[in-house]
């Protein structure tokens, strides 16, 4: 009985290792994602891109971003919204 249980444990361990090895991440997936993001951002206006990068990527508030961009905070929020909408359209295609 012990030999049977031991064999079953070894088989289960081997199966887990095989499953874990099969799920290895694609080394090019990150590069493809960055390229896709760069192409999508290139389709935005300069101000939309700047507003999105400052608020979404760098984590600045709309007030801080407005100070950096030289516009009102409401303008930053509108530009960010427009940029997100445009990117959503690219993602849906």
PDB file of N, CA and C in Angstrom:
ATOM      1  N   UNK A   1       0.825  -1.190   0.000  1.00  0.00           N
ATOM      2  CA  UNK A   1       0.000   0.000   0.000  1.00  0.00           C
ATOM      3  C   UNK A   1       0.871   1.255   0.000  1.00  0.00           C
ATOM      4  N   UNK A   2       1.935   1.249   0.812  1.00  0.00           N
ATOM      5  CA  UNK A   2       2.824   2.412   0.848  1.00  0.00           C
ATOM      6  C   UNK A   2       3.491   2.643  -0.504  1.00  0.00           C
ATOM      7  N   UNK A   3       3.879   1.576  -1.160  1.00  0.00           N
ATOM      8  CA  UNK A   3       4.521   1.706  -2.470  1.00  0.00           C
ATOM      9  C   UNK A   3       3.544   2.314  -3.481  1.00  0.00           C
ATOM     10  N   UNK A   4       2.290   1.913  -3.409  1.00  0.00           N
ATOM     11  CA  UNK A   4       1.274   2.452  -4.307  1.00  0.00           C
ATOM     12  C   UNK A   4       1.074   3.948  -4.055  1.00  0.00           C
ATOM     13  N   UNK A   5       0.994   4.358  -2.806  1.00  0.00           N
ATOM     14  CA  UNK A   5       0.829   5.774  -2.465  1.00  0.00           C
ATOM     15  C   UNK A   5       2.049   6.580  -2.892  1.00  0.00           C
ATOM     16  N   UNK A   6       3.218   6.033  -2.678  1.00  0.00           N
ATOM     17  CA  UNK A   6       4.452   6.713  -3.076  1.00  0.00           C
ATOM     18  C   UNK A   6       4.495   6.911  -4.583  1.00  0.00           C
ATOM     19  N   UNK A   7       4.136   5.880  -5.315  1.00  0.00           N
ATOM     20  CA  UNK A   7       4.114   5.971  -6.774  1.00  0.00           C
ATOM     21  C   UNK A   7       3.097   7.012  -7.234  1.00  0.00           C
ATOM     22  N   UNK A   8       1.943   7.066  -6.579  1.00  0.00           N
ATOM     23  CA  UNK A   8       0.902   8.044  -6.939  1.00  0.00           C
ATOM     24  C   UNK A   8       1.379   9.469  -6.659  1.00  0.00           C
ATOM     25  N   UNK A   9       2.087   9.673  -5.525  1.00  0.00           N
ATOM     26  CA  UNK A   9       2.628  10.997  -5.216  1.00  0.00           C
ATOM     27  C   UNK A   9       3.658  11.424  -6.242  1.00  0.00           C
ATOM     28  N   UNK A  10       4.545  10.496  -6.631  1.00  0.00           N
ATOM     29  CA  UNK A  10       5.565  10.818  -7.645  1.00  0.00           C
ATOM     30  C   UNK A  10       4.924  11.151  -8.980  1.00  0.00           C
ATOM     31  N   UNK A  11       3.894  10.433  -9.348  1.00  0.00           N
ATOM     32  CA  UNK A  11       3.202  10.700 -10.608  1.00  0.00           C
ATOM     33  C   UNK A  11       2.520  12.067 -10.571  1.00  0.00           C
ATOM     34  N   UNK A  12       1.912  12.406  -9.437  1.00  0.00           N
ATOM     35  CA  UNK A  12       1.254  13.705  -9.314  1.00  0.00           C
ATOM     36  C   UNK A  12       2.274  14.839  -9.374  1.00  0.00           C
ATOM     37  N   UNK A  13       3.420  14.643  -8.724  1.00  0.00           N
ATOM     38  CA  UNK A  13       4.484  15.657  -8.762  1.00  0.00           C
ATOM     39  C   UNK A  13       5.004  15.828 -10.177  1.00  0.00           C
ATOM     40  N   UNK A  14       5.221  14.740 -10.876  1.00  0.00           N
ATOM     41  CA  UNK A  14       5.701  14.814 -12.256  1.00  0.00           C
ATOM     42  C   UNK A  14       4.686  15.512 -13.150  1.00  0.00           C
ATOM     43  N   UNK A  15       3.417  15.243 -12.949  1.00  0.00           N
ATOM     44  CA  UNK A  15       2.365  15.878 -13.751  1.00  0.00           C
ATOM     45  C   UNK A  15       2.335  17.382 -13.503  1.00  0.00           C
ATOM     46  N   UNK A  16       2.506  17.798 -12.246  1.00  0.00           N
ATOM     47  CA  UNK A  16       2.532  19.232 -11.940  1.00  0.00           C
ATOM     48  C   UNK A  16       3.721  19.916 -12.604  1.00  0.00           C
ATOM     49  N   UNK A  17       4.865  19.247 -12.626  1.00  0.00           N
ATOM     50  CA  UNK A  17       6.056  19.817 -13.275  1.00  0.00           C
ATOM     51  C   UNK A  17       5.841  19.967 -14.777  1.00  0.00           C
ATOM     52  N   UNK A  18       5.232  18.985 -15.389  1.00  0.00           N
ATOM     53  CA  UNK A  18       4.986  19.041 -16.832  1.00  0.00           C
ATOM     54  C   UNK A  18       4.026  20.181 -17.158  1.00  0.00           C
ATOM     55  N   UNK A  19       2.975  20.324 -16.365  1.00  0.00           N
ATOM     56  CA  UNK A  19       2.003  21.393 -16.592  1.00  0.00           C
ATOM     57  C   UNK A  19       2.671  22.751 -16.392  1.00  0.00           C
ATOM     58  N   UNK A  20       3.509  22.881 -15.367  1.00  0.00           N
ATOM     59  CA  UNK A  20       4.186  24.143 -15.102  1.00  0.00           C
ATOM     60  C   UNK A  20       5.150  24.485 -16.235  1.00  0.00           C
ATOM     61  N   UNK A  21       5.840  23.506 -16.787  1.00  0.00           N
ATOM     62  CA  UNK A  21       6.777  23.766 -17.871  1.00  0.00           C
ATOM     63  C   UNK A  21       6.053  24.143 -19.155  1.00  0.00           C
ATOM     64  N   UNK A  22       4.901  23.576 -19.389  1.00  0.00           N
ATOM     65  CA  UNK A  22       4.150  23.870 -20.603  1.00  0.00           C
ATOM     66  C   UNK A  22       3.613  25.287 -20.618  1.00  0.00           C
ATOM     67  N   UNK A  23       3.465  25.912 -19.486  1.00  0.00           N
ATOM     68  CA  UNK A  23       2.917  27.255 -19.401  1.00  0.00           C
ATOM     69  C   UNK A  23       3.985  28.323 -19.387  1.00  0.00           C
ATOM     70  N   UNK A  24       5.147  28.044 -19.950  1.00  0.00           N
ATOM     71  CA  UNK A  24       6.224  29.030 -19.956  1.00  0.00           C
ATOM     72  C   UNK A  24       5.807  30.245 -20.774  1.00  0.00           C
ATOM     73  N   UNK A  25       6.077  31.442 -20.257  1.00  0.00           N
ATOM     74  CA  UNK A  25       5.661  32.646 -20.967  1.00  0.00           C
ATOM     75  C   UNK A  25       6.466  32.851 -22.251  1.00  0.00           C
ATOM     76  N   UNK A  26       5.810  33.430 -23.224  1.00  0.00           N
ATOM     77  CA  UNK A  26       6.437  33.741 -24.500  1.00  0.00           C
ATOM     78  C   UNK A  26       7.355  34.943 -24.304  1.00  0.00           C
ATOM     79  N   UNK A  27       8.654  34.822 -24.587  1.00  0.00           N
ATOM     80  CA  UNK A  27       9.563  35.949 -24.358  1.00  0.00           C
ATOM     81  C   UNK A  27       9.279  37.141 -25.260  1.00  0.00           C
ATOM     82  N   UNK A  28       8.577  36.920 -26.362  1.00  0.00           N
ATOM     83  CA  UNK A  28       8.282  38.014 -27.284  1.00  0.00           C
ATOM     84  C   UNK A  28       6.934  38.675 -27.008  1.00  0.00           C
ATOM     85  N   UNK A  29       6.158  38.124 -26.103  1.00  0.00           N
ATOM     86  CA  UNK A  29       4.833  38.677 -25.812  1.00  0.00           C
ATOM     87  C   UNK A  29       4.952  40.093 -25.257  1.00  0.00           C
ATOM     88  N   UNK A  30       5.913  40.329 -24.395  1.00  0.00           N
ATOM     89  CA  UNK A  30       6.109  41.668 -23.828  1.00  0.00           C
ATOM     90  C   UNK A  30       6.501  42.679 -24.887  1.00  0.00           C
ATOM     91  N   UNK A  31       7.349  42.256 -25.793  1.00  0.00           N
ATOM     92  CA  UNK A  31       7.790  43.143 -26.869  1.00  0.00           C
ATOM     93  C   UNK A  31       6.616  43.478 -27.777  1.00  0.00           C
ATOM     94  N   UNK A  32       5.815  42.476 -28.106  1.00  0.00           N
ATOM     95  CA  UNK A  32       4.643  42.698 -28.955  1.00  0.00           C
ATOM     96  C   UNK A  32       3.645  43.627 -28.281  1.00  0.00           C
ATOM     97  N   UNK A  33       3.451  43.474 -26.978  1.00  0.00           N
ATOM     98  CA  UNK A  33       2.511  44.334 -26.252  1.00  0.00           C
ATOM     99  C   UNK A  33       3.000  45.781 -26.247  1.00  0.00           C
ATOM    100  N   UNK A  34       4.299  45.984 -26.042  1.00  0.00           N
ATOM    101  CA  UNK A  34       4.853  47.340 -26.050  1.00  0.00           C
ATOM    102  C   UNK A  34       4.726  47.968 -27.427  1.00  0.00           C
ATOM    103  N   UNK A  35       4.977  47.184 -28.466  1.00  0.00           N
ATOM    104  CA  UNK A  35       4.854  47.695 -29.825  1.00  0.00           C
ATOM    105  C   UNK A  35       3.409  48.062 -30.132  1.00  0.00           C
ATOM    106  N   UNK A  36       2.490  47.229 -29.710  1.00  0.00           N
ATOM    107  CA  UNK A  36       1.064  47.501 -29.926  1.00  0.00           C
ATOM    108  C   UNK A  36       0.645  48.770 -29.192  1.00  0.00           C
ATOM    109  N   UNK A  37       1.118  48.944 -27.958  1.00  0.00           N
ATOM    110  CA  UNK A  37       0.782  50.147 -27.188  1.00  0.00           C
ATOM    111  C   UNK A  37       1.373  51.388 -27.847  1.00  0.00           C
ATOM    112  N   UNK A  38       2.607  51.301 -28.326  1.00  0.00           N
ATOM    113  CA  UNK A  38       3.237  52.446 -28.986  1.00  0.00           C
ATOM    114  C   UNK A  38       2.488  52.828 -30.254  1.00  0.00           C
ATOM    115  N   UNK A  39       2.057  51.837 -31.010  1.00  0.00           N
ATOM    116  CA  UNK A  39       1.292  52.128 -32.231  1.00  0.00           C
ATOM    117  C   UNK A  39      -0.057  52.755 -31.895  1.00  0.00           C
ATOM    118  N   UNK A  40      -0.711  52.264 -30.853  1.00  0.00           N
ATOM    119  CA  UNK A  40      -2.003  52.830 -30.462  1.00  0.00           C
ATOM    120  C   UNK A  40      -1.841  54.268 -29.981  1.00  0.00           C
ATOM    121  N   UNK A  41      -0.810  54.522 -29.166  1.00  0.00           N
ATOM    122  CA  UNK A  41      -0.574  55.876 -28.673  1.00  0.00           C
ATOM    123  C   UNK A  41      -0.190  56.827 -29.798  1.00  0.00           C
ATOM    124  N   UNK A  42       0.450  56.318 -30.832  1.00  0.00           N
ATOM    125  CA  UNK A  42       0.847  57.162 -31.964  1.00  0.00           C
ATOM    126  C   UNK A  42      -0.373  57.699 -32.703  1.00  0.00           C
ATOM    127  N   UNK A  43      -1.505  57.034 -32.572  1.00  0.00           N
ATOM    128  CA  UNK A  43      -2.728  57.483 -33.230  1.00  0.00           C
ATOM    129  C   UNK A  43      -3.431  58.617 -32.499  1.00  0.00           C
ATOM    130  N   UNK A  44      -2.975  58.969 -31.314  1.00  0.00           N
ATOM    131  CA  UNK A  44      -3.584  60.050 -30.538  1.00  0.00           C
ATOM    132  C   UNK A  44      -2.910  61.381 -30.865  1.00  0.00           C
ATOM    133  N   UNK A  45      -3.592  62.464 -30.499  1.00  0.00           N
ATOM    134  CA  UNK A  45      -2.947  63.766 -30.647  1.00  0.00           C
ATOM    135  C   UNK A  45      -1.860  63.887 -29.589  1.00  0.00           C
ATOM    136  N   UNK A  46      -0.963  64.833 -29.765  1.00  0.00           N
ATOM    137  CA  UNK A  46       0.137  65.014 -28.825  1.00  0.00           C
ATOM    138  C   UNK A  46      -0.385  65.331 -27.429  1.00  0.00           C
ATOM    139  N   UNK A  47      -1.407  66.173 -27.350  1.00  0.00           N
ATOM    140  CA  UNK A  47      -1.953  66.555 -26.042  1.00  0.00           C
ATOM    141  C   UNK A  47      -2.676  65.393 -25.373  1.00  0.00           C
ATOM    142  N   UNK A  48      -3.426  64.602 -26.133  1.00  0.00           N
ATOM    143  CA  UNK A  48      -4.097  63.429 -25.566  1.00  0.00           C
ATOM    144  C   UNK A  48      -3.074  62.435 -25.045  1.00  0.00           C
ATOM    145  N   UNK A  49      -2.036  62.199 -25.834  1.00  0.00           N
ATOM    146  CA  UNK A  49      -0.987  61.257 -25.442  1.00  0.00           C
ATOM    147  C   UNK A  49      -0.303  61.735 -24.171  1.00  0.00           C
ATOM    148  N   UNK A  50       0.017  63.032 -24.110  1.00  0.00           N
ATOM    149  CA  UNK A  50       0.688  63.587 -22.934  1.00  0.00           C
ATOM    150  C   UNK A  50      -0.210  63.469 -21.701  1.00  0.00           C
ATOM    151  N   UNK A  51      -1.491  63.792 -21.849  1.00  0.00           N
ATOM    152  CA  UNK A  51      -2.418  63.708 -20.718  1.00  0.00           C
ATOM    153  C   UNK A  51      -2.544  62.265 -20.220  1.00  0.00           C
ATOM    154  N   UNK A  52      -2.632  61.314 -21.145  1.00  0.00           N
ATOM    155  CA  UNK A  52      -2.738  59.915 -20.743  1.00  0.00           C
ATOM    156  C   UNK A  52      -1.479  59.414 -20.058  1.00  0.00           C
ATOM    157  N   UNK A  53      -0.337  59.748 -20.603  1.00  0.00           N
ATOM    158  CA  UNK A  53       0.919  59.282 -20.002  1.00  0.00           C
ATOM    159  C   UNK A  53       1.088  59.867 -18.609  1.00  0.00           C
ATOM    160  N   UNK A  54       0.796  61.152 -18.457  1.00  0.00           N
ATOM    161  CA  UNK A  54       0.956  61.783 -17.144  1.00  0.00           C
ATOM    162  C   UNK A  54      -0.012  61.212 -16.112  1.00  0.00           C
ATOM    163  N   UNK A  55      -1.273  61.012 -16.504  1.00  0.00           N
ATOM    164  CA  UNK A  55      -2.265  60.578 -15.520  1.00  0.00           C
ATOM    165  C   UNK A  55      -2.295  59.067 -15.317  1.00  0.00           C
ATOM    166  N   UNK A  56      -2.232  58.310 -16.398  1.00  0.00           N
ATOM    167  CA  UNK A  56      -2.375  56.854 -16.284  1.00  0.00           C
ATOM    168  C   UNK A  56      -1.049  56.155 -16.009  1.00  0.00           C
ATOM    169  N   UNK A  57      -0.018  56.531 -16.729  1.00  0.00           N
ATOM    170  CA  UNK A  57       1.249  55.804 -16.625  1.00  0.00           C
ATOM    171  C   UNK A  57       2.099  56.320 -15.462  1.00  0.00           C
ATOM    172  N   UNK A  58       2.201  57.652 -15.350  1.00  0.00           N
ATOM    173  CA  UNK A  58       3.043  58.223 -14.299  1.00  0.00           C
ATOM    174  C   UNK A  58       2.288  58.482 -13.000  1.00  0.00           C
ATOM    175  N   UNK A  59       0.957  58.424 -13.038  1.00  0.00           N
ATOM    176  CA  UNK A  59       0.164  58.527 -11.818  1.00  0.00           C
ATOM    177  C   UNK A  59      -0.045  59.935 -11.287  1.00  0.00           C
ATOM    178  N   UNK A  60       0.176  60.963 -12.094  1.00  0.00           N
ATOM    179  CA  UNK A  60      -0.078  62.329 -11.649  1.00  0.00           C
ATOM    180  C   UNK A  60      -1.579  62.573 -11.598  1.00  0.00           C
ATOM    181  N   UNK A  61      -2.001  63.459 -10.700  1.00  0.00           N
ATOM    182  CA  UNK A  61      -3.405  63.862 -10.665  1.00  0.00           C
ATOM    183  C   UNK A  61      -3.659  64.819 -11.822  1.00  0.00           C
ATOM    184  N   UNK A  62      -4.931  65.106 -12.073  1.00  0.00           N
ATOM    185  CA  UNK A  62      -5.240  66.026 -13.168  1.00  0.00           C
ATOM    186  C   UNK A  62      -4.728  67.432 -12.853  1.00  0.00           C
ATOM    187  N   UNK A  63      -4.688  67.803 -11.572  1.00  0.00           N
ATOM    188  CA  UNK A  63      -4.169  69.119 -11.185  1.00  0.00           C
ATOM    189  C   UNK A  63      -2.659  69.202 -11.436  1.00  0.00           C
ATOM    190  N   UNK A  64      -1.935  68.155 -11.048  1.00  0.00           N
ATOM    191  CA  UNK A  64      -0.485  68.134 -11.283  1.00  0.00           C
ATOM    192  C   UNK A  64      -0.174  68.105 -12.776  1.00  0.00           C
ATOM    193  N   UNK A  65      -0.920  67.308 -13.502  1.00  0.00           N
ATOM    194  CA  UNK A  65      -0.716  67.217 -14.947  1.00  0.00           C
ATOM    195  C   UNK A  65      -1.022  68.548 -15.619  1.00  0.00           C
ATOM    196  N   UNK A  66      -2.066  69.214 -15.145  1.00  0.00           N
ATOM    197  CA  UNK A  66      -2.426  70.515 -15.713  1.00  0.00           C
ATOM    198  C   UNK A  66      -1.294  71.517 -15.516  1.00  0.00           C
ATOM    199  N   UNK A  67      -0.678  71.489 -14.351  1.00  0.00           N
ATOM    200  CA  UNK A  67       0.454  72.384 -14.095  1.00  0.00           C
ATOM    201  C   UNK A  67       1.618  72.098 -15.031  1.00  0.00           C
ATOM    202  N   UNK A  68       1.877  70.842 -15.301  1.00  0.00           N
ATOM    203  CA  UNK A  68       2.965  70.472 -16.204  1.00  0.00           C
ATOM    204  C   UNK A  68       2.650  70.815 -17.657  1.00  0.00           C
ATOM    205  N   UNK A  69       1.380  70.686 -18.025  1.00  0.00           N
ATOM    206  CA  UNK A  69       0.982  70.925 -19.403  1.00  0.00           C
ATOM    207  C   UNK A  69       0.646  72.389 -19.675  1.00  0.00           C
ATOM    208  N   UNK A  70       0.393  73.165 -18.614  1.00  0.00           N
ATOM    209  CA  UNK A  70       0.029  74.559 -18.785  1.00  0.00           C
ATOM    210  C   UNK A  70      -1.415  74.756 -19.202  1.00  0.00           C
ATOM    211  N   UNK A  71      -2.301  73.865 -18.763  1.00  0.00           N
ATOM    212  CA  UNK A  71      -3.730  73.955 -19.074  1.00  0.00           C
ATOM    213  C   UNK A  71      -4.515  73.797 -17.778  1.00  0.00           C
ATOM    214  N   UNK A  72      -5.840  73.881 -17.869  1.00  0.00           N
ATOM    215  CA  UNK A  72      -6.704  73.694 -16.696  1.00  0.00           C
ATOM    216  C   UNK A  72      -6.859  72.193 -16.404  1.00  0.00           C
ATOM    217  N   UNK A  73      -7.120  71.847 -15.139  1.00  0.00           N
ATOM    218  CA  UNK A  73      -7.337  70.441 -14.795  1.00  0.00           C
ATOM    219  C   UNK A  73      -8.486  69.805 -15.570  1.00  0.00           C
ATOM    220  N   UNK A  74      -9.536  70.566 -15.839  1.00  0.00           N
ATOM    221  CA  UNK A  74     -10.658  70.026 -16.606  1.00  0.00           C
ATOM    222  C   UNK A  74     -10.213  69.641 -18.011  1.00  0.00           C
ATOM    223  N   UNK A  75      -9.301  70.409 -18.580  1.00  0.00           N
ATOM    224  CA  UNK A  75      -8.787  70.098 -19.916  1.00  0.00           C
ATOM    225  C   UNK A  75      -8.031  68.785 -19.908  1.00  0.00           C
ATOM    226  N   UNK A  76      -7.259  68.555 -18.866  1.00  0.00           N
ATOM    227  CA  UNK A  76      -6.518  67.291 -18.748  1.00  0.00           C
ATOM    228  C   UNK A  76      -7.500  66.123 -18.662  1.00  0.00           C
ATOM    229  N   UNK A  77      -8.554  66.291 -17.885  1.00  0.00           N
ATOM    230  CA  UNK A  77      -9.545  65.215 -17.753  1.00  0.00           C
ATOM    231  C   UNK A  77     -10.236  64.937 -19.085  1.00  0.00           C
ATOM    232  N   UNK A  78     -10.559  65.995 -19.819  1.00  0.00           N
ATOM    233  CA  UNK A  78     -11.210  65.817 -21.122  1.00  0.00           C
ATOM    234  C   UNK A  78     -10.259  65.137 -22.100  1.00  0.00           C
ATOM    235  N   UNK A  79      -9.007  65.586 -22.142  1.00  0.00           N
ATOM    236  CA  UNK A  79      -8.029  64.982 -23.056  1.00  0.00           C
ATOM    237  C   UNK A  79      -7.784  63.519 -22.712  1.00  0.00           C
ATOM    238  N   UNK A  80      -7.709  63.207 -21.426  1.00  0.00           N
ATOM    239  CA  UNK A  80      -7.513  61.819 -21.004  1.00  0.00           C
ATOM    240  C   UNK A  80      -8.701  60.968 -21.415  1.00  0.00           C
ATOM    241  N   UNK A  81      -9.888  61.502 -21.225  1.00  0.00           N
ATOM    242  CA  UNK A  81     -11.101  60.766 -21.604  1.00  0.00           C
ATOM    243  C   UNK A  81     -11.124  60.519 -23.108  1.00  0.00           C
ATOM    244  N   UNK A  82     -10.827  61.544 -23.885  1.00  0.00           N
ATOM    245  CA  UNK A  82     -10.809  61.391 -25.343  1.00  0.00           C
ATOM    246  C   UNK A  82      -9.759  60.360 -25.769  1.00  0.00           C
ATOM    247  N   UNK A  83      -8.605  60.402 -25.136  1.00  0.00           N
ATOM    248  CA  UNK A  83      -7.554  59.439 -25.452  1.00  0.00           C
ATOM    249  C   UNK A  83      -7.958  58.015 -25.122  1.00  0.00           C
ATOM    250  N   UNK A  84      -8.586  57.825 -23.953  1.00  0.00           N
ATOM    251  CA  UNK A  84      -9.045  56.488 -23.572  1.00  0.00           C
ATOM    252  C   UNK A  84     -10.103  55.976 -24.540  1.00  0.00           C
ATOM    253  N   UNK A  85     -11.015  56.872 -24.951  1.00  0.00           N
ATOM    254  CA  UNK A  85     -12.045  56.485 -25.907  1.00  0.00           C
ATOM    255  C   UNK A  85     -11.415  56.064 -27.236  1.00  0.00           C
ATOM    256  N   UNK A  86     -10.428  56.819 -27.698  1.00  0.00           N
ATOM    257  CA  UNK A  86      -9.759  56.484 -28.955  1.00  0.00           C
ATOM    258  C   UNK A  86      -9.026  55.152 -28.834  1.00  0.00           C
ATOM    259  N   UNK A  87      -8.376  54.914 -27.709  1.00  0.00           N
ATOM    260  CA  UNK A  87      -7.672  53.642 -27.513  1.00  0.00           C
ATOM    261  C   UNK A  87      -8.651  52.488 -27.402  1.00  0.00           C
ATOM    262  N   UNK A  88      -9.807  52.726 -26.814  1.00  0.00           N
ATOM    263  CA  UNK A  88     -10.826  51.681 -26.726  1.00  0.00           C
ATOM    264  C   UNK A  88     -11.272  51.281 -28.132  1.00  0.00           C
ATOM    265  N   UNK A  89     -11.401  52.259 -29.016  1.00  0.00           N
ATOM    266  CA  UNK A  89     -11.774  51.962 -30.394  1.00  0.00           C
ATOM    267  C   UNK A  89     -10.712  51.143 -31.101  1.00  0.00           C
ATOM    268  N   UNK A  90      -9.454  51.396 -30.808  1.00  0.00           N
ATOM    269  CA  UNK A  90      -8.354  50.620 -31.416  1.00  0.00           C
ATOM    270  C   UNK A  90      -8.373  49.202 -30.899  1.00  0.00           C
ATOM    271  N   UNK A  91      -8.641  49.031 -29.618  1.00  0.00           N
ATOM    272  CA  UNK A  91      -8.645  47.701 -28.999  1.00  0.00           C
ATOM    273  C   UNK A  91      -9.796  46.845 -29.520  1.00  0.00           C
ATOM    274  N   UNK A  92     -10.926  47.477 -29.794  1.00  0.00           N
ATOM    275  CA  UNK A  92     -12.108  46.737 -30.251  1.00  0.00           C
ATOM    276  C   UNK A  92     -11.956  46.245 -31.698  1.00  0.00           C
ATOM    277  N   UNK A  93     -11.091  46.857 -32.454  1.00  0.00           N
ATOM    278  CA  UNK A  93     -10.947  46.487 -33.870  1.00  0.00           C
ATOM    279  C   UNK A  93     -10.246  45.174 -34.058  1.00  0.00           C
TER     280      UNK A  93
END
